[in-house]
Amino acid sequence: MALDDDCIFCKIVSKEIPSTLLREDDELLAFRDINPAAPSHILVIPRKHIAKLSEADPDDAELLGKLLLAAADVAKSEDLKGFRVVINNGAKAGQTVWHIHIHVIGGRPLSWPPG
């Protein structure tokens, strides 16, 4: 599995940068966001480097599904009664780390629209 030497999330995957891990398996990691937008703000990332959702290919479909299931599982383990799942795609959508990741946000009322 290829990692990007300049990617902060790849450095978390390789343990070069510490994180507060909540879940880890052969394909993904879940950890607390260091700049939380809510009382519970968790990031779920694949070990495989995919820069953004629009760059995923059909071979990544199973992995993407596992990321969503892991997001739901982490929300359950945090005892979140309601939560938001967010994937930013590209700079205009607010993506700042170029490694696909799911934000699991909860622990307070969330309004709509989000932006």
C-alpha atoms as a PDB file:
ATOM      1  CA  MET A   1       0.000   0.000   0.000  1.00  0.00           C
ATOM      2  CA  ALA A   2       1.457   3.314  -1.072  1.00  0.00           C
ATOM      3  CA  LEU A   3       1.776   6.156   1.395  1.00  0.00           C
ATOM      4  CA  ASP A   4       2.537   9.781   0.561  1.00  0.00           C
ATOM      5  CA  ASP A   5       5.659  11.038   2.367  1.00  0.00           C
ATOM      6  CA  ASP A   6       4.225  14.573   2.610  1.00  0.00           C
ATOM      7  CA  CYS A   7       0.788  13.565   3.930  1.00  0.00           C
ATOM      8  CA  ILE A   8       0.100  14.136   7.644  1.00  0.00           C
ATOM      9  CA  PHE A   9      -2.460  11.312   7.716  1.00  0.00           C
ATOM     10  CA  CYS A  10      -0.004   8.907   6.088  1.00  0.00           C
ATOM     11  CA  LYS A  11       2.407   9.871   8.873  1.00  0.00           C
ATOM     12  CA  ILE A  12      -0.288   9.008  11.426  1.00  0.00           C
ATOM     13  CA  VAL A  13      -0.815   5.657   9.656  1.00  0.00           C
ATOM     14  CA  SER A  14       2.918   4.922   9.838  1.00  0.00           C
ATOM     15  CA  LYS A  15       3.046   6.075  13.501  1.00  0.00           C
ATOM     16  CA  GLU A  16       5.500   8.903  12.729  1.00  0.00           C
ATOM     17  CA  ILE A  17       2.944  11.292  14.237  1.00  0.00           C
ATOM     18  CA  PRO A  18       1.007  10.266  17.370  1.00  0.00           C
ATOM     19  CA  SER A  19      -2.775  10.344  17.542  1.00  0.00           C
ATOM     20  CA  THR A  20      -5.495   9.421  19.994  1.00  0.00           C
ATOM     21  CA  LEU A  21      -6.571   6.189  18.321  1.00  0.00           C
ATOM     22  CA  LEU A  22     -10.098   4.931  18.901  1.00  0.00           C
ATOM     23  CA  ARG A  23     -10.013   2.167  16.312  1.00  0.00           C
ATOM     24  CA  GLU A  24      -7.383   0.540  14.147  1.00  0.00           C
ATOM     25  CA  ASP A  25      -7.407  -2.445  11.812  1.00  0.00           C
ATOM     26  CA  ASP A  26      -5.671  -3.592   8.639  1.00  0.00           C
ATOM     27  CA  GLU A  27      -7.532  -1.072   6.466  1.00  0.00           C
ATOM     28  CA  LEU A  28      -8.395   1.983   8.530  1.00  0.00           C
ATOM     29  CA  LEU A  29      -7.837   4.130  11.597  1.00  0.00           C
ATOM     30  CA  ALA A  30     -10.153   6.319  13.664  1.00  0.00           C
ATOM     31  CA  PHE A  31      -8.773   9.029  15.923  1.00  0.00           C
ATOM     32  CA  ARG A  32      -9.785  12.261  17.617  1.00  0.00           C
ATOM     33  CA  ASP A  33      -9.493  15.458  15.584  1.00  0.00           C
ATOM     34  CA  ILE A  34      -6.876  17.794  17.102  1.00  0.00           C
ATOM     35  CA  ASN A  35      -9.075  20.803  16.222  1.00  0.00           C
ATOM     36  CA  PRO A  36     -12.576  19.591  17.147  1.00  0.00           C
ATOM     37  CA  ALA A  37     -15.678  21.324  15.789  1.00  0.00           C
ATOM     38  CA  ALA A  38     -17.876  19.649  18.436  1.00  0.00           C
ATOM     39  CA  PRO A  39     -17.488  17.799  21.744  1.00  0.00           C
ATOM     40  CA  SER A  40     -17.030  14.594  19.762  1.00  0.00           C
ATOM     41  CA  HIS A  41     -15.066  14.987  16.522  1.00  0.00           C
ATOM     42  CA  ILE A  42     -13.436  11.871  15.146  1.00  0.00           C
ATOM     43  CA  LEU A  43     -11.657  11.270  11.855  1.00  0.00           C
ATOM     44  CA  VAL A  44     -11.872   7.935  10.073  1.00  0.00           C
ATOM     45  CA  ILE A  45      -9.198   7.371   7.418  1.00  0.00           C
ATOM     46  CA  PRO A  46      -8.060   4.527   5.213  1.00  0.00           C
ATOM     47  CA  ARG A  47      -4.491   3.309   5.519  1.00  0.00           C
ATOM     48  CA  LYS A  48      -4.334   3.528   1.731  1.00  0.00           C
ATOM     49  CA  HIS A  49      -3.569   7.020   0.480  1.00  0.00           C
ATOM     50  CA  ILE A  50      -6.434   8.352  -1.635  1.00  0.00           C
ATOM     51  CA  ALA A  51      -6.173  12.131  -1.950  1.00  0.00           C
ATOM     52  CA  LYS A  52      -9.917  12.847  -2.183  1.00  0.00           C
ATOM     53  CA  LEU A  53     -13.214  11.111  -2.802  1.00  0.00           C
ATOM     54  CA  SER A  54     -13.361  12.143  -6.449  1.00  0.00           C
ATOM     55  CA  GLU A  55     -10.045  10.355  -7.014  1.00  0.00           C
ATOM     56  CA  ALA A  56     -11.221   7.017  -5.607  1.00  0.00           C
ATOM     57  CA  ASP A  57     -11.682   4.320  -8.220  1.00  0.00           C
ATOM     58  CA  PRO A  58     -14.177   1.438  -8.441  1.00  0.00           C
ATOM     59  CA  ASP A  59     -11.652  -0.876  -6.770  1.00  0.00           C
ATOM     60  CA  ASP A  60     -11.970   1.312  -3.643  1.00  0.00           C
ATOM     61  CA  ALA A  61     -15.737   0.752  -3.272  1.00  0.00           C
ATOM     62  CA  GLU A  62     -15.452  -1.895  -0.546  1.00  0.00           C
ATOM     63  CA  LEU A  63     -12.938   0.199   1.399  1.00  0.00           C
ATOM     64  CA  LEU A  64     -15.185   3.269   1.204  1.00  0.00           C
ATOM     65  CA  GLY A  65     -18.078   1.218   2.558  1.00  0.00           C
ATOM     66  CA  LYS A  66     -15.910   0.013   5.432  1.00  0.00           C
ATOM     67  CA  LEU A  67     -15.018   3.618   6.259  1.00  0.00           C
ATOM     68  CA  LEU A  68     -18.705   4.519   6.558  1.00  0.00           C
ATOM     69  CA  LEU A  69     -19.451   1.473   8.707  1.00  0.00           C
ATOM     70  CA  ALA A  70     -16.481   2.331  10.922  1.00  0.00           C
ATOM     71  CA  ALA A  71     -17.808   5.895  11.249  1.00  0.00           C
ATOM     72  CA  ALA A  72     -21.153   4.552  12.485  1.00  0.00           C
ATOM     73  CA  ASP A  73     -19.405   2.138  14.847  1.00  0.00           C
ATOM     74  CA  VAL A  74     -17.230   4.882  16.334  1.00  0.00           C
ATOM     75  CA  ALA A  75     -20.299   7.099  16.809  1.00  0.00           C
ATOM     76  CA  LYS A  76     -21.985   4.235  18.653  1.00  0.00           C
ATOM     77  CA  SER A  77     -18.924   3.696  20.853  1.00  0.00           C
ATOM     78  CA  GLU A  78     -19.010   7.426  21.701  1.00  0.00           C
ATOM     79  CA  ASP A  79     -22.704   7.013  22.628  1.00  0.00           C
ATOM     80  CA  LEU A  80     -23.718   9.707  20.156  1.00  0.00           C
ATOM     81  CA  LYS A  81     -27.502   9.824  19.807  1.00  0.00           C
ATOM     82  CA  GLY A  82     -27.176  11.907  16.664  1.00  0.00           C
ATOM     83  CA  PHE A  83     -24.118  12.674  14.608  1.00  0.00           C
ATOM     84  CA  ARG A  84     -23.025  14.084  11.290  1.00  0.00           C
ATOM     85  CA  VAL A  85     -20.745  12.357   8.786  1.00  0.00           C
ATOM     86  CA  VAL A  86     -18.830  14.733   6.500  1.00  0.00           C
ATOM     87  CA  ILE A  87     -16.442  14.130   3.606  1.00  0.00           C
ATOM     88  CA  ASN A  88     -14.980  17.316   2.141  1.00  0.00           C
ATOM     89  CA  ASN A  89     -13.834  16.963  -1.464  1.00  0.00           C
ATOM     90  CA  GLY A  90     -11.447  19.628  -2.716  1.00  0.00           C
ATOM     91  CA  ALA A  91     -10.319  23.017  -1.490  1.00  0.00           C
ATOM     92  CA  LYS A  92     -13.623  24.730  -2.340  1.00  0.00           C
ATOM     93  CA  ALA A  93     -15.402  22.263  -0.050  1.00  0.00           C
ATOM     94  CA  GLY A  94     -12.981  22.915   2.817  1.00  0.00           C
ATOM     95  CA  GLN A  95     -10.627  19.961   2.376  1.00  0.00           C
ATOM     96  CA  THR A  96      -7.236  20.865   3.851  1.00  0.00           C
ATOM     97  CA  VAL A  97      -5.607  17.444   4.216  1.00  0.00           C
ATOM     98  CA  TRP A  98      -5.202  15.612   0.918  1.00  0.00           C
ATOM     99  CA  HIS A  99      -6.007  12.122   2.222  1.00  0.00           C
ATOM    100  CA  ILE A 100      -9.653  11.096   2.162  1.00  0.00           C
ATOM    101  CA  HIS A 101     -11.180  11.214   5.624  1.00  0.00           C
ATOM    102  CA  ILE A 102     -14.574  11.101   7.232  1.00  0.00           C
ATOM    103  CA  HIS A 103     -15.459  13.540   9.990  1.00  0.00           C
ATOM    104  CA  VAL A 104     -17.790  12.082  12.630  1.00  0.00           C
ATOM    105  CA  ILE A 105     -19.190  15.068  14.502  1.00  0.00           C
ATOM    106  CA  GLY A 106     -21.593  15.021  17.437  1.00  0.00           C
ATOM    107  CA  GLY A 107     -22.143  15.649  21.094  1.00  0.00           C
ATOM    108  CA  ARG A 108     -24.125  18.862  20.562  1.00  0.00           C
ATOM    109  CA  PRO A 109     -27.107  19.945  18.440  1.00  0.00           C
ATOM    110  CA  LEU A 110     -26.079  20.415  14.809  1.00  0.00           C
ATOM    111  CA  SER A 111     -27.858  22.935  12.603  1.00  0.00           C
ATOM    112  CA  TRP A 112     -28.654  22.854   8.908  1.00  0.00           C
ATOM    113  CA  PRO A 113     -27.356  24.004   6.496  1.00  0.00           C
ATOM    114  CA  PRO A 114     -23.876  23.240   7.798  1.00  0.00           C
ATOM    115  CA  GLY A 115     -21.695  25.734   5.897  1.00  0.00           C
END
